[in-house]
Protein backbone atom coordinates (compact mmCIF):
# COMPACT_ATOMS: atom_id res chain seq x y z
CA MET A 1 67.43 149.61 86.56
CA ASN A 2 68.67 147.99 83.36
CA GLN A 3 72.09 149.47 83.89
CA LEU A 4 72.14 148.01 87.40
CA TRP A 5 71.39 144.52 86.05
CA VAL A 6 74.06 144.92 83.41
CA ALA A 7 76.59 145.65 86.17
CA VAL A 8 75.37 143.10 88.76
CA LEU A 9 74.63 140.12 86.53
CA PRO A 10 78.21 139.58 85.28
CA THR A 11 79.53 140.01 88.81
CA VAL A 12 77.11 137.44 90.21
CA ALA A 13 77.82 135.05 87.31
CA ALA A 14 81.57 135.43 87.83
CA GLY A 15 81.14 134.71 91.54
CA VAL A 16 78.99 131.62 90.94
CA PHE A 17 81.34 130.24 88.28
CA GLY A 18 84.36 131.05 90.47
CA ILE A 19 82.92 129.12 93.41
CA ALA A 20 81.91 126.23 91.14
CA GLY A 21 85.42 126.17 89.64
CA THR A 22 87.00 126.16 93.09
CA ILE A 23 84.83 123.26 94.20
CA ALA A 24 85.51 121.29 91.01
CA GLY A 25 89.25 122.00 91.26
CA ARG A 26 89.34 120.94 94.89
CA ARG A 27 87.49 117.76 94.03
CA GLN A 28 89.95 117.00 91.23
CA THR A 29 92.94 117.64 93.52
CA THR A 30 91.41 115.44 96.22
CA ASP A 31 90.75 112.67 93.69
CA GLU A 32 94.30 112.89 92.34
CA ALA A 33 95.74 112.71 95.87
CA ALA A 34 93.51 109.77 96.73
CA VAL A 35 94.46 107.89 93.55
CA GLU A 36 98.15 108.59 94.14
CA HIS A 37 97.87 107.27 97.70
CA ASP A 38 95.94 104.22 96.51
CA GLN A 39 98.60 103.54 93.88
CA TRP A 40 101.31 103.79 96.54
CA LEU A 41 99.36 101.49 98.86
CA ARG A 42 98.78 99.06 96.00
CA GLY A 43 102.53 98.93 95.36
CA GLN A 44 103.21 98.35 99.06
CA ARG A 45 100.63 95.58 99.11
CA GLN A 46 102.11 93.94 96.01
CA THR A 47 105.53 93.88 97.63
CA ALA A 48 104.16 92.60 100.93
CA TYR A 49 102.07 89.92 99.22
CA LEU A 50 105.01 88.72 97.11
CA ASP A 51 107.26 88.62 100.17
CA ALA A 52 104.64 86.65 102.10
CA LEU A 53 104.15 84.17 99.24
CA ASP A 54 107.94 83.75 98.89
CA ALA A 55 108.26 83.19 102.64
CA MET A 56 105.47 80.60 102.57
CA ASP A 57 107.18 78.79 99.68
CA ALA A 58 110.51 78.82 101.52
CA ALA A 59 108.88 77.54 104.71
CA LEU A 60 107.22 74.69 102.81
CA ARG A 61 110.58 73.76 101.26
CA ASP A 62 112.36 73.99 104.61
CA PHE A 63 109.72 71.93 106.41
CA ALA A 64 109.86 69.29 103.66
CA ALA A 65 113.68 69.19 103.70
CA LEU A 66 113.66 68.85 107.47
CA ARG A 67 111.15 66.01 107.27
CA GLU A 68 113.09 64.19 104.54
CA ASP A 69 116.33 64.49 106.48
CA TRP A 70 114.80 63.73 109.90
CA ASN A 71 115.89 60.12 110.31
CA ARG A 72 119.44 60.75 109.07
CA ARG A 73 119.84 63.66 111.45
CA TYR A 74 118.50 61.57 114.30
CA GLU A 75 120.95 58.75 113.57
CA ASN A 76 123.85 61.22 113.25
CA ALA A 77 122.96 62.77 116.59
CA MET A 78 122.79 59.38 118.28
CA THR A 79 126.07 58.10 116.83
CA GLY A 80 127.89 61.45 116.88
CA GLY A 81 127.59 61.89 120.62
CA GLY A 82 125.03 64.68 120.63
CA GLY A 83 122.34 62.31 121.79
CA GLU A 84 118.64 62.91 121.75
CA GLU A 85 118.93 66.27 123.51
CA GLY A 86 121.37 67.53 120.88
CA PHE A 87 119.03 66.37 118.14
CA GLN A 88 116.04 68.04 119.76
CA GLU A 89 117.93 71.31 120.28
CA HIS A 90 119.13 71.31 116.67
CA ILE A 91 115.66 70.64 115.25
CA ALA A 92 114.07 73.18 117.61
CA GLU A 93 116.55 75.83 116.40
CA GLU A 94 115.77 75.03 112.77
CA LEU A 95 112.02 75.16 113.41
CA ASP A 96 112.43 78.49 115.19
CA GLY A 97 114.38 79.86 112.23
CA ILE A 98 111.72 78.72 109.77
CA SER A 99 109.01 80.23 111.95
CA ARG A 100 110.77 83.58 112.25
CA ALA A 101 111.42 83.70 108.50
CA VAL A 102 107.74 83.29 107.65
CA ASP A 103 106.21 85.32 110.51
CA LYS A 104 107.49 88.79 109.53
CA PRO A 105 106.35 88.74 105.89
CA LEU A 106 102.94 87.36 106.90
CA GLU A 107 102.55 90.05 109.56
CA ARG A 108 103.49 92.82 107.10
CA ALA A 109 101.07 91.49 104.51
CA ARG A 110 98.30 91.29 107.12
CA LEU A 111 99.04 94.83 108.22
CA LEU A 112 98.57 96.19 104.69
CA SER A 113 95.88 93.82 103.50
CA ALA A 114 92.20 94.17 102.82
CA THR A 115 89.72 92.00 104.71
CA ASP A 116 89.51 89.13 102.21
CA VAL A 117 93.30 88.89 101.91
CA ASP A 118 93.65 89.18 105.68
CA GLU A 119 91.31 86.22 106.16
CA ALA A 120 93.32 84.12 103.69
CA LEU A 121 96.59 85.13 105.38
CA GLN A 122 95.15 84.15 108.76
CA VAL A 123 94.23 80.72 107.41
CA ALA A 124 97.75 80.36 105.96
CA SER A 125 99.34 81.47 109.22
CA THR A 126 97.28 78.88 111.10
CA ALA A 127 98.26 76.14 108.61
CA TYR A 128 101.97 76.93 108.91
CA GLU A 129 101.68 77.06 112.68
CA ALA A 130 100.03 73.62 112.57
CA MET A 131 102.96 72.26 110.53
CA LEU A 132 105.37 73.74 113.05
CA ARG A 133 103.48 72.18 115.98
CA TYR A 134 103.32 68.86 114.16
CA LEU A 135 107.10 68.77 113.74
CA GLU A 136 107.61 69.88 117.34
CA GLY A 137 105.35 67.01 118.38
CA GLN A 138 107.57 64.64 116.44
CA LEU A 139 110.43 65.63 118.76
CA ASP A 140 108.58 64.20 121.75
CA GLU A 141 109.47 60.72 122.90
CA PRO A 142 107.53 58.84 121.80
CA ALA A 143 106.76 60.81 118.67
CA GLN A 144 103.14 61.84 118.23
CA ASP A 145 102.96 60.28 114.79
CA ARG A 146 105.59 57.56 114.50
CA GLY A 147 104.70 56.68 110.93
CA TRP A 148 104.38 60.31 109.79
CA THR A 149 100.86 59.49 108.60
CA ARG A 150 99.50 63.01 109.20
CA TRP A 151 102.45 64.74 107.52
CA GLU A 152 100.92 64.85 104.04
CA ASP A 153 97.64 66.22 105.42
CA ALA A 154 99.47 69.04 107.22
CA ARG A 155 101.54 69.80 104.14
CA ASN A 156 98.53 69.78 101.81
CA THR A 157 96.61 72.08 104.16
CA ALA A 158 99.50 74.56 104.04
CA ARG A 159 99.66 74.33 100.24
CA GLU A 160 95.92 74.95 99.94
CA ALA A 161 96.17 77.91 102.31
CA ARG A 162 98.99 79.35 100.19
CA ALA A 163 96.87 78.94 97.04
CA ARG A 164 93.98 80.71 98.77
CA VAL A 165 96.29 83.61 99.66
CA MET A 166 97.44 83.81 96.05
CA VAL A 167 93.88 84.06 94.73
CA ALA A 168 92.90 86.69 97.31
CA CYS A 169 96.02 88.74 96.53
CA GLN A 170 95.38 88.57 92.80
CA LYS A 171 91.85 89.85 93.23
CA LYS A 172 93.00 92.75 95.38
CA VAL A 173 95.98 93.78 93.26
CA GLN A 174 94.28 93.45 89.86
CA ASP A 175 91.72 96.14 90.69
CA PRO A 176 93.51 99.45 89.93
CA PRO A 177 92.67 102.65 91.82
CA ARG A 178 90.44 105.13 90.03
CA PRO A 179 89.33 108.66 90.88
CA GLY A 180 86.11 109.04 92.78
CA ARG A 181 86.09 105.42 93.89
CA ARG A 182 87.18 104.95 97.47
CA THR A 183 86.32 101.71 99.16
CA GLY A 184 84.74 101.75 102.56
CA ARG A 185 82.79 105.01 102.28
CA ALA A 186 79.97 106.55 100.33
CA PRO A 187 81.19 108.41 97.22
CA TRP A 188 79.50 111.67 98.25
CA ARG A 189 81.24 111.84 101.62
CA ARG A 190 84.56 113.52 102.20
CA PRO A 191 87.31 111.40 103.75
CA ALA A 192 87.84 111.79 107.48
CA ARG A 193 90.80 113.91 108.47
């Protein structure tokens, strides 16, 4: 019987350690793949967030330049023969260009973002849309806000929304991926296939 144990025990031990090694190796490979994917996603998010912040900055500059130049453009349209319709068409084209330039980067950032960043991006998108609608309302005759009294409020709201996006992006990007830590699921569960 002793000879049987001498032959069986090493075989059983080798089998147990082999299975344990396979499980540990699979876990390590899965963790490495998950971390690599998270690092890739983090890089994509960083790029998308930077593009969105740059687009928001450019939109703020463009809106402000349009506002500062509004009266001169109106006078040029009236004296240059384009009339009010020409002025309105020109401004509407500029507003459309600004809107298109900021929409794509915001959409891409929202597509890749986590919930907290997505909420901040939604607030920013709403603030920029409000600025756009405000300027479109100024094209109406009579203008909605003849003295431009609500302009600074709209602009400050957009700036605050941009700052909120920046803070949310920083929090998300500063947390590096690590093995064994996957957000959104319990650590003992395998990822869905």
